[in-house]
PDB file of all heavy atoms in Angstrom:
ATOM      1  N   GLN A   1      37.564 -13.470 -10.266  1.00  0.00           N
ATOM      2  CA  GLN A   1      38.539 -14.034 -11.201  1.00  0.00           C
ATOM      3  C   GLN A   1      39.906 -14.195 -10.551  1.00  0.00           C
ATOM      4  O   GLN A   1      40.687 -15.069 -10.932  1.00  0.00           O
ATOM      5  CB  GLN A   1      38.626 -13.155 -12.449  1.00  0.00           C
ATOM      6  CG  GLN A   1      37.368 -13.187 -13.301  1.00  0.00           C
ATOM      7  CD  GLN A   1      37.380 -12.168 -14.432  1.00  0.00           C
ATOM      8  OE1 GLN A   1      38.282 -11.328 -14.528  1.00  0.00           O
ATOM      9  NE2 GLN A   1      36.387 -12.225 -15.296  1.00  0.00           N
ATOM     10  N   GLU A   2      40.202 -13.342  -9.577  1.00  0.00           N
ATOM     11  CA  GLU A   2      41.469 -13.436  -8.837  1.00  0.00           C
ATOM     12  C   GLU A   2      41.393 -14.440  -7.690  1.00  0.00           C
ATOM     13  O   GLU A   2      42.398 -14.719  -7.039  1.00  0.00           O
ATOM     14  CB  GLU A   2      41.844 -12.073  -8.236  1.00  0.00           C
ATOM     15  CG  GLU A   2      42.265 -11.033  -9.228  1.00  0.00           C
ATOM     16  CD  GLU A   2      42.735  -9.774  -8.526  1.00  0.00           C
ATOM     17  OE1 GLU A   2      43.684  -9.867  -7.710  1.00  0.00           O
ATOM     18  OE2 GLU A   2      42.157  -8.709  -8.758  1.00  0.00           O
ATOM     19  N   GLY A   3      40.209 -14.948  -7.422  1.00  0.00           N
ATOM     20  CA  GLY A   3      40.048 -15.870  -6.309  1.00  0.00           C
ATOM     21  C   GLY A   3      39.890 -15.189  -4.973  1.00  0.00           C
ATOM     22  O   GLY A   3      39.944 -15.849  -3.929  1.00  0.00           O
ATOM     23  N   LEU A   4      39.677 -13.886  -4.965  1.00  0.00           N
ATOM     24  CA  LEU A   4      39.534 -13.157  -3.704  1.00  0.00           C
ATOM     25  C   LEU A   4      38.081 -13.058  -3.251  1.00  0.00           C
ATOM     26  O   LEU A   4      37.813 -12.728  -2.097  1.00  0.00           O
ATOM     27  CB  LEU A   4      40.128 -11.747  -3.839  1.00  0.00           C
ATOM     28  CG  LEU A   4      41.639 -11.708  -4.088  1.00  0.00           C
ATOM     29  CD1 LEU A   4      42.106 -10.279  -4.326  1.00  0.00           C
ATOM     30  CD2 LEU A   4      42.400 -12.327  -2.913  1.00  0.00           C
ATOM     31  N   VAL A   5      37.164 -13.322  -4.165  1.00  0.00           N
ATOM     32  CA  VAL A   5      35.731 -13.331  -3.871  1.00  0.00           C
ATOM     33  C   VAL A   5      35.140 -14.602  -4.469  1.00  0.00           C
ATOM     34  O   VAL A   5      35.592 -15.065  -5.521  1.00  0.00           O
ATOM     35  CB  VAL A   5      35.027 -12.076  -4.463  1.00  0.00           C
ATOM     36  CG1 VAL A   5      33.514 -12.245  -4.493  1.00  0.00           C
ATOM     37  CG2 VAL A   5      35.400 -10.830  -3.659  1.00  0.00           C
ATOM     38  N   GLN A   6      34.167 -15.169  -3.780  1.00  0.00           N
ATOM     39  CA  GLN A   6      33.440 -16.306  -4.314  1.00  0.00           C
ATOM     40  C   GLN A   6      31.973 -15.941  -4.415  1.00  0.00           C
ATOM     41  O   GLN A   6      31.408 -15.323  -3.502  1.00  0.00           O
ATOM     42  CB  GLN A   6      33.607 -17.543  -3.426  1.00  0.00           C
ATOM     43  CG  GLN A   6      34.982 -18.189  -3.550  1.00  0.00           C
ATOM     44  CD  GLN A   6      35.089 -19.437  -2.708  1.00  0.00           C
ATOM     45  OE1 GLN A   6      35.360 -19.348  -1.515  1.00  0.00           O
ATOM     46  NE2 GLN A   6      34.878 -20.592  -3.302  1.00  0.00           N
ATOM     47  N   VAL A   7      31.359 -16.332  -5.528  1.00  0.00           N
ATOM     48  CA  VAL A   7      29.952 -16.046  -5.777  1.00  0.00           C
ATOM     49  C   VAL A   7      29.195 -17.364  -5.816  1.00  0.00           C
ATOM     50  O   VAL A   7      29.531 -18.256  -6.600  1.00  0.00           O
ATOM     51  CB  VAL A   7      29.756 -15.282  -7.104  1.00  0.00           C
ATOM     52  CG1 VAL A   7      28.272 -15.004  -7.340  1.00  0.00           C
ATOM     53  CG2 VAL A   7      30.563 -13.980  -7.097  1.00  0.00           C
ATOM     54  N   PHE A   8      28.176 -17.488  -4.963  1.00  0.00           N
ATOM     55  CA  PHE A   8      27.356 -18.692  -4.912  1.00  0.00           C
ATOM     56  C   PHE A   8      25.956 -18.337  -5.388  1.00  0.00           C
ATOM     57  O   PHE A   8      25.262 -17.541  -4.739  1.00  0.00           O
ATOM     58  CB  PHE A   8      27.306 -19.243  -3.487  1.00  0.00           C
ATOM     59  CG  PHE A   8      28.645 -19.685  -2.956  1.00  0.00           C
ATOM     60  CD1 PHE A   8      29.431 -18.815  -2.219  1.00  0.00           C
ATOM     61  CD2 PHE A   8      29.118 -20.962  -3.202  1.00  0.00           C
ATOM     62  CE1 PHE A   8      30.660 -19.219  -1.718  1.00  0.00           C
ATOM     63  CE2 PHE A   8      30.344 -21.372  -2.713  1.00  0.00           C
ATOM     64  CZ  PHE A   8      31.120 -20.505  -1.979  1.00  0.00           C
ATOM     65  N   PRO A   9      25.510 -18.901  -6.520  1.00  0.00           N
ATOM     66  CA  PRO A   9      24.161 -18.611  -7.026  1.00  0.00           C
ATOM     67  C   PRO A   9      23.089 -18.882  -5.974  1.00  0.00           C
ATOM     68  O   PRO A   9      23.174 -19.861  -5.227  1.00  0.00           O
ATOM     69  CB  PRO A   9      24.023 -19.574  -8.216  1.00  0.00           C
ATOM     70  CG  PRO A   9      25.435 -19.820  -8.665  1.00  0.00           C
ATOM     71  CD  PRO A   9      26.250 -19.822  -7.387  1.00  0.00           C
ATOM     72  N   GLN A  10      22.135 -18.003  -5.902  1.00  0.00           N
ATOM     73  CA  GLN A  10      21.003 -18.086  -4.977  1.00  0.00           C
ATOM     74  C   GLN A  10      21.411 -17.899  -3.510  1.00  0.00           C
ATOM     75  O   GLN A  10      20.570 -18.031  -2.624  1.00  0.00           O
ATOM     76  CB  GLN A  10      20.264 -19.433  -5.117  1.00  0.00           C
ATOM     77  CG  GLN A  10      19.884 -19.809  -6.532  1.00  0.00           C
ATOM     78  CD  GLN A  10      19.080 -18.718  -7.234  1.00  0.00           C
ATOM     79  OE1 GLN A  10      18.158 -18.157  -6.628  1.00  0.00           O
ATOM     80  NE2 GLN A  10      19.416 -18.416  -8.484  1.00  0.00           N
ATOM     81  N   VAL A  11      22.689 -17.641  -3.264  1.00  0.00           N
ATOM     82  CA  VAL A  11      23.140 -17.441  -1.884  1.00  0.00           C
ATOM     83  C   VAL A  11      23.766 -16.059  -1.718  1.00  0.00           C
ATOM     84  O   VAL A  11      23.346 -15.272  -0.872  1.00  0.00           O
ATOM     85  CB  VAL A  11      24.145 -18.529  -1.454  1.00  0.00           C
ATOM     86  CG1 VAL A  11      24.624 -18.272  -0.029  1.00  0.00           C
ATOM     87  CG2 VAL A  11      23.508 -19.910  -1.558  1.00  0.00           C
ATOM     88  N   GLY A  12      24.787 -15.756  -2.520  1.00  0.00           N
ATOM     89  CA  GLY A  12      25.413 -14.445  -2.430  1.00  0.00           C
ATOM     90  C   GLY A  12      26.900 -14.486  -2.695  1.00  0.00           C
ATOM     91  O   GLY A  12      27.457 -15.519  -3.074  1.00  0.00           O
ATOM     92  N   SER A  13      27.529 -13.340  -2.495  1.00  0.00           N
ATOM     93  CA  SER A  13      28.966 -13.203  -2.711  1.00  0.00           C
ATOM     94  C   SER A  13      29.666 -13.072  -1.363  1.00  0.00           C
ATOM     95  O   SER A  13      29.134 -12.450  -0.434  1.00  0.00           O
ATOM     96  CB  SER A  13      29.265 -11.958  -3.560  1.00  0.00           C
ATOM     97  OG  SER A  13      28.669 -12.060  -4.833  1.00  0.00           O
ATOM     98  N   PHE A  14      30.854 -13.673  -1.287  1.00  0.00           N
ATOM     99  CA  PHE A  14      31.606 -13.688  -0.041  1.00  0.00           C
ATOM    100  C   PHE A  14      33.080 -13.439  -0.325  1.00  0.00           C
ATOM    101  O   PHE A  14      33.592 -13.834  -1.377  1.00  0.00           O
ATOM    102  CB  PHE A  14      31.483 -15.052   0.661  1.00  0.00           C
ATOM    103  CG  PHE A  14      30.093 -15.374   1.124  1.00  0.00           C
ATOM    104  CD1 PHE A  14      29.130 -15.813   0.231  1.00  0.00           C
ATOM    105  CD2 PHE A  14      29.745 -15.228   2.459  1.00  0.00           C
ATOM    106  CE1 PHE A  14      27.842 -16.103   0.651  1.00  0.00           C
ATOM    107  CE2 PHE A  14      28.461 -15.519   2.899  1.00  0.00           C
ATOM    108  CZ  PHE A  14      27.499 -15.962   1.988  1.00  0.00           C
ATOM    109  N   VAL A  15      33.752 -12.795   0.616  1.00  0.00           N
ATOM    110  CA  VAL A  15      35.211 -12.736   0.549  1.00  0.00           C
ATOM    111  C   VAL A  15      35.714 -14.169   0.697  1.00  0.00           C
ATOM    112  O   VAL A  15      35.309 -14.885   1.617  1.00  0.00           O
ATOM    113  CB  VAL A  15      35.787 -11.851   1.673  1.00  0.00           C
ATOM    114  CG1 VAL A  15      37.318 -11.866   1.626  1.00  0.00           C
ATOM    115  CG2 VAL A  15      35.261 -10.430   1.561  1.00  0.00           C
ATOM    116  N   SER A  16      36.560 -14.606  -0.216  1.00  0.00           N
ATOM    117  CA  SER A  16      37.034 -15.989  -0.159  1.00  0.00           C
ATOM    118  C   SER A  16      37.893 -16.208   1.073  1.00  0.00           C
ATOM    119  O   SER A  16      38.561 -15.293   1.568  1.00  0.00           O
ATOM    120  CB  SER A  16      37.841 -16.334  -1.410  1.00  0.00           C
ATOM    121  OG  SER A  16      39.043 -15.596  -1.439  1.00  0.00           O
ATOM    122  N   ARG A  17      37.865 -17.415   1.563  1.00  0.00           N
ATOM    123  CA  ARG A  17      38.785 -17.784   2.610  1.00  0.00           C
ATOM    124  C   ARG A  17      40.181 -17.907   2.018  1.00  0.00           C
ATOM    125  O   ARG A  17      40.340 -18.117   0.815  1.00  0.00           O
ATOM    126  CB  ARG A  17      38.349 -19.105   3.245  1.00  0.00           C
ATOM    127  CG  ARG A  17      37.051 -18.974   4.044  1.00  0.00           C
ATOM    128  CD  ARG A  17      36.531 -20.325   4.454  1.00  0.00           C
ATOM    129  NE  ARG A  17      35.436 -20.193   5.414  1.00  0.00           N
ATOM    130  CZ  ARG A  17      34.704 -21.211   5.835  1.00  0.00           C
ATOM    131  NH1 ARG A  17      34.937 -22.436   5.389  1.00  0.00           N
ATOM    132  NH2 ARG A  17      33.735 -21.015   6.708  1.00  0.00           N
ATOM    133  N   VAL A  18      41.196 -17.771   2.847  1.00  0.00           N
ATOM    134  CA  VAL A  18      42.579 -17.876   2.376  1.00  0.00           C
ATOM    135  C   VAL A  18      42.838 -19.320   1.945  1.00  0.00           C
ATOM    136  O   VAL A  18      42.606 -20.252   2.715  1.00  0.00           O
ATOM    137  CB  VAL A  18      43.572 -17.450   3.481  1.00  0.00           C
ATOM    138  CG1 VAL A  18      45.008 -17.661   3.006  1.00  0.00           C
ATOM    139  CG2 VAL A  18      43.342 -15.996   3.869  1.00  0.00           C
ATOM    140  N   ASP A  19      43.298 -19.466   0.727  1.00  0.00           N
ATOM    141  CA  ASP A  19      43.546 -20.785   0.150  1.00  0.00           C
ATOM    142  C   ASP A  19      45.034 -21.116   0.295  1.00  0.00           C
ATOM    143  O   ASP A  19      45.871 -20.494  -0.357  1.00  0.00           O
ATOM    144  CB  ASP A  19      43.143 -20.785  -1.326  1.00  0.00           C
ATOM    145  CG  ASP A  19      43.251 -22.156  -1.969  1.00  0.00           C
ATOM    146  OD1 ASP A  19      44.042 -22.989  -1.478  1.00  0.00           O
ATOM    147  OD2 ASP A  19      42.559 -22.392  -2.975  1.00  0.00           O
ATOM    148  N   PRO A  20      45.400 -22.081   1.145  1.00  0.00           N
ATOM    149  CA  PRO A  20      46.815 -22.405   1.345  1.00  0.00           C
ATOM    150  C   PRO A  20      47.540 -22.785   0.059  1.00  0.00           C
ATOM    151  O   PRO A  20      48.735 -22.488  -0.081  1.00  0.00           O
ATOM    152  CB  PRO A  20      46.775 -23.580   2.331  1.00  0.00           C
ATOM    153  CG  PRO A  20      45.499 -23.377   3.089  1.00  0.00           C
ATOM    154  CD  PRO A  20      44.528 -22.847   2.058  1.00  0.00           C
ATOM    155  N   GLN A  21      46.837 -23.421  -0.891  1.00  0.00           N
ATOM    156  CA  GLN A  21      47.494 -23.780  -2.144  1.00  0.00           C
ATOM    157  C   GLN A  21      47.832 -22.541  -2.959  1.00  0.00           C
ATOM    158  O   GLN A  21      48.907 -22.448  -3.560  1.00  0.00           O
ATOM    159  CB  GLN A  21      46.614 -24.722  -2.973  1.00  0.00           C
ATOM    160  CG  GLN A  21      47.290 -25.236  -4.247  1.00  0.00           C
ATOM    161  CD  GLN A  21      48.599 -25.947  -3.959  1.00  0.00           C
ATOM    162  OE1 GLN A  21      48.638 -26.881  -3.158  1.00  0.00           O
ATOM    163  NE2 GLN A  21      49.688 -25.507  -4.584  1.00  0.00           N
ATOM    164  N   ARG A  22      46.917 -21.566  -2.969  1.00  0.00           N
ATOM    165  CA  ARG A  22      47.211 -20.311  -3.675  1.00  0.00           C
ATOM    166  C   ARG A  22      48.340 -19.559  -2.987  1.00  0.00           C
ATOM    167  O   ARG A  22      49.148 -18.904  -3.650  1.00  0.00           O
ATOM    168  CB  ARG A  22      45.957 -19.436  -3.755  1.00  0.00           C
ATOM    169  CG  ARG A  22      44.917 -19.900  -4.786  1.00  0.00           C
ATOM    170  CD  ARG A  22      43.712 -18.981  -4.756  1.00  0.00           C
ATOM    171  NE  ARG A  22      42.712 -19.333  -5.734  1.00  0.00           N
ATOM    172  CZ  ARG A  22      42.588 -18.762  -6.943  1.00  0.00           C
ATOM    173  NH1 ARG A  22      43.429 -17.806  -7.295  1.00  0.00           N
ATOM    174  NH2 ARG A  22      41.649 -19.132  -7.780  1.00  0.00           N
ATOM    175  N   VAL A  23      48.386 -19.637  -1.668  1.00  0.00           N
ATOM    176  CA  VAL A  23      49.484 -19.013  -0.929  1.00  0.00           C
ATOM    177  C   VAL A  23      50.805 -19.645  -1.350  1.00  0.00           C
ATOM    178  O   VAL A  23      51.788 -18.956  -1.643  1.00  0.00           O
ATOM    179  CB  VAL A  23      49.285 -19.160   0.591  1.00  0.00           C
ATOM    180  CG1 VAL A  23      50.539 -18.692   1.349  1.00  0.00           C
ATOM    181  CG2 VAL A  23      48.072 -18.363   1.063  1.00  0.00           C
ATOM    182  N   ALA A  24      50.837 -20.976  -1.408  1.00  0.00           N
ATOM    183  CA  ALA A  24      52.060 -21.690  -1.778  1.00  0.00           C
ATOM    184  C   ALA A  24      52.480 -21.373  -3.206  1.00  0.00           C
ATOM    185  O   ALA A  24      53.668 -21.178  -3.491  1.00  0.00           O
ATOM    186  CB  ALA A  24      51.856 -23.191  -1.602  1.00  0.00           C
ATOM    187  N   ASP A  25      51.502 -21.299  -4.122  1.00  0.00           N
ATOM    188  CA  ASP A  25      51.826 -21.006  -5.522  1.00  0.00           C
ATOM    189  C   ASP A  25      52.396 -19.597  -5.662  1.00  0.00           C
ATOM    190  O   ASP A  25      53.371 -19.375  -6.396  1.00  0.00           O
ATOM    191  CB  ASP A  25      50.577 -21.143  -6.395  1.00  0.00           C
ATOM    192  CG  ASP A  25      50.129 -22.595  -6.562  1.00  0.00           C
ATOM    193  OD1 ASP A  25      50.941 -23.500  -6.275  1.00  0.00           O
ATOM    194  OD2 ASP A  25      48.967 -22.816  -6.968  1.00  0.00           O
ATOM    195  N   ALA A  26      51.784 -18.632  -4.970  1.00  0.00           N
ATOM    196  CA  ALA A  26      52.259 -17.251  -5.049  1.00  0.00           C
ATOM    197  C   ALA A  26      53.640 -17.112  -4.421  1.00  0.00           C
ATOM    198  O   ALA A  26      54.505 -16.391  -4.938  1.00  0.00           O
ATOM    199  CB  ALA A  26      51.265 -16.312  -4.364  1.00  0.00           C
ATOM    200  N   GLN A  27      53.860 -17.803  -3.311  1.00  0.00           N
ATOM    201  CA  GLN A  27      55.162 -17.749  -2.670  1.00  0.00           C
ATOM    202  C   GLN A  27      56.231 -18.375  -3.566  1.00  0.00           C
ATOM    203  O   GLN A  27      57.357 -17.875  -3.655  1.00  0.00           O
ATOM    204  CB  GLN A  27      55.112 -18.462  -1.311  1.00  0.00           C
ATOM    205  CG  GLN A  27      56.304 -18.188  -0.403  1.00  0.00           C
ATOM    206  CD  GLN A  27      57.518 -19.030  -0.752  1.00  0.00           C
ATOM    207  OE1 GLN A  27      57.389 -20.094  -1.352  1.00  0.00           O
ATOM    208  NE2 GLN A  27      58.696 -18.555  -0.381  1.00  0.00           N
ATOM    209  N   PHE A  28      55.871 -19.456  -4.256  1.00  0.00           N
ATOM    210  CA  PHE A  28      56.795 -20.102  -5.188  1.00  0.00           C
ATOM    211  C   PHE A  28      57.197 -19.131  -6.301  1.00  0.00           C
ATOM    212  O   PHE A  28      58.379 -18.989  -6.634  1.00  0.00           O
ATOM    213  CB  PHE A  28      56.135 -21.341  -5.792  1.00  0.00           C
ATOM    214  CG  PHE A  28      56.926 -21.979  -6.890  1.00  0.00           C
ATOM    215  CD1 PHE A  28      57.996 -22.819  -6.611  1.00  0.00           C
ATOM    216  CD2 PHE A  28      56.609 -21.734  -8.224  1.00  0.00           C
ATOM    217  CE1 PHE A  28      58.738 -23.406  -7.639  1.00  0.00           C
ATOM    218  CE2 PHE A  28      57.337 -22.318  -9.252  1.00  0.00           C
ATOM    219  CZ  PHE A  28      58.404 -23.149  -8.960  1.00  0.00           C
ATOM    220  N   LEU A  29      56.204 -18.431  -6.860  1.00  0.00           N
ATOM    221  CA  LEU A  29      56.486 -17.460  -7.919  1.00  0.00           C
ATOM    222  C   LEU A  29      57.352 -16.335  -7.387  1.00  0.00           C
ATOM    223  O   LEU A  29      58.350 -15.947  -8.022  1.00  0.00           O
ATOM    224  CB  LEU A  29      55.168 -16.896  -8.460  1.00  0.00           C
ATOM    225  CG  LEU A  29      55.284 -15.719  -9.436  1.00  0.00           C
ATOM    226  CD1 LEU A  29      56.000 -16.147 -10.710  1.00  0.00           C
ATOM    227  CD2 LEU A  29      53.891 -15.160  -9.765  1.00  0.00           C
ATOM    228  N   ARG A  30      56.998 -15.818  -6.223  1.00  0.00           N
ATOM    229  CA  ARG A  30      57.749 -14.702  -5.667  1.00  0.00           C
ATOM    230  C   ARG A  30      59.190 -15.105  -5.374  1.00  0.00           C
ATOM    231  O   ARG A  30      60.129 -14.363  -5.683  1.00  0.00           O
ATOM    232  CB  ARG A  30      57.071 -14.213  -4.389  1.00  0.00           C
ATOM    233  CG  ARG A  30      57.746 -12.999  -3.800  1.00  0.00           C
ATOM    234  CD  ARG A  30      57.005 -12.429  -2.616  1.00  0.00           C
ATOM    235  NE  ARG A  30      57.649 -11.194  -2.205  1.00  0.00           N
ATOM    236  CZ  ARG A  30      57.296 -10.471  -1.157  1.00  0.00           C
ATOM    237  NH1 ARG A  30      56.288 -10.855  -0.396  1.00  0.00           N
ATOM    238  NH2 ARG A  30      57.935  -9.363  -0.859  1.00  0.00           N
ATOM    239  N   GLU A  31      59.374 -16.274  -4.793  1.00  0.00           N
ATOM    240  CA  GLU A  31      60.725 -16.729  -4.474  1.00  0.00           C
ATOM    241  C   GLU A  31      61.555 -16.904  -5.743  1.00  0.00           C
ATOM    242  O   GLU A  31      62.722 -16.504  -5.798  1.00  0.00           O
ATOM    243  CB  GLU A  31      60.663 -18.045  -3.701  1.00  0.00           C
ATOM    244  CG  GLU A  31      62.017 -18.559  -3.261  1.00  0.00           C
ATOM    245  CD  GLU A  31      61.917 -19.799  -2.392  1.00  0.00           C
ATOM    246  OE1 GLU A  31      61.055 -19.838  -1.476  1.00  0.00           O
ATOM    247  OE2 GLU A  31      62.715 -20.742  -2.610  1.00  0.00           O
ATOM    248  N   ALA A  32      60.953 -17.493  -6.770  1.00  0.00           N
ATOM    249  CA  ALA A  32      61.682 -17.708  -8.017  1.00  0.00           C
ATOM    250  C   ALA A  32      62.147 -16.387  -8.617  1.00  0.00           C
ATOM    251  O   ALA A  32      63.300 -16.254  -9.054  1.00  0.00           O
ATOM    252  CB  ALA A  32      60.794 -18.465  -9.018  1.00  0.00           C
ATOM    253  N   VAL A  33      61.259 -15.391  -8.628  1.00  0.00           N
ATOM    254  CA  VAL A  33      61.591 -14.091  -9.223  1.00  0.00           C
ATOM    255  C   VAL A  33      62.636 -13.364  -8.380  1.00  0.00           C
ATOM    256  O   VAL A  33      63.649 -12.872  -8.907  1.00  0.00           O
ATOM    257  CB  VAL A  33      60.317 -13.231  -9.360  1.00  0.00           C
ATOM    258  CG1 VAL A  33      60.678 -11.791  -9.745  1.00  0.00           C
ATOM    259  CG2 VAL A  33      59.377 -13.829 -10.391  1.00  0.00           C
ATOM    260  N   GLU A  34      62.417 -13.291  -7.071  1.00  0.00           N
ATOM    261  CA  GLU A  34      63.290 -12.468  -6.239  1.00  0.00           C
ATOM    262  C   GLU A  34      64.672 -13.079  -6.058  1.00  0.00           C
ATOM    263  O   GLU A  34      65.674 -12.356  -6.013  1.00  0.00           O
ATOM    264  CB  GLU A  34      62.620 -12.194  -4.897  1.00  0.00           C
ATOM    265  CG  GLU A  34      61.350 -11.348  -5.044  1.00  0.00           C
ATOM    266  CD  GLU A  34      60.961 -10.644  -3.770  1.00  0.00           C
ATOM    267  OE1 GLU A  34      61.827 -10.052  -3.108  1.00  0.00           O
ATOM    268  OE2 GLU A  34      59.764 -10.690  -3.431  1.00  0.00           O
TER     269      GLU A  34
END
């Protein structure tokens, strides 16, 4: 649900790759707050 793990039916669960868009969104939030 946090996007840190991905589950693929009939294949398995994997640690998600780093998503640059999620990085940008989190950095935007952090910058705005701080």
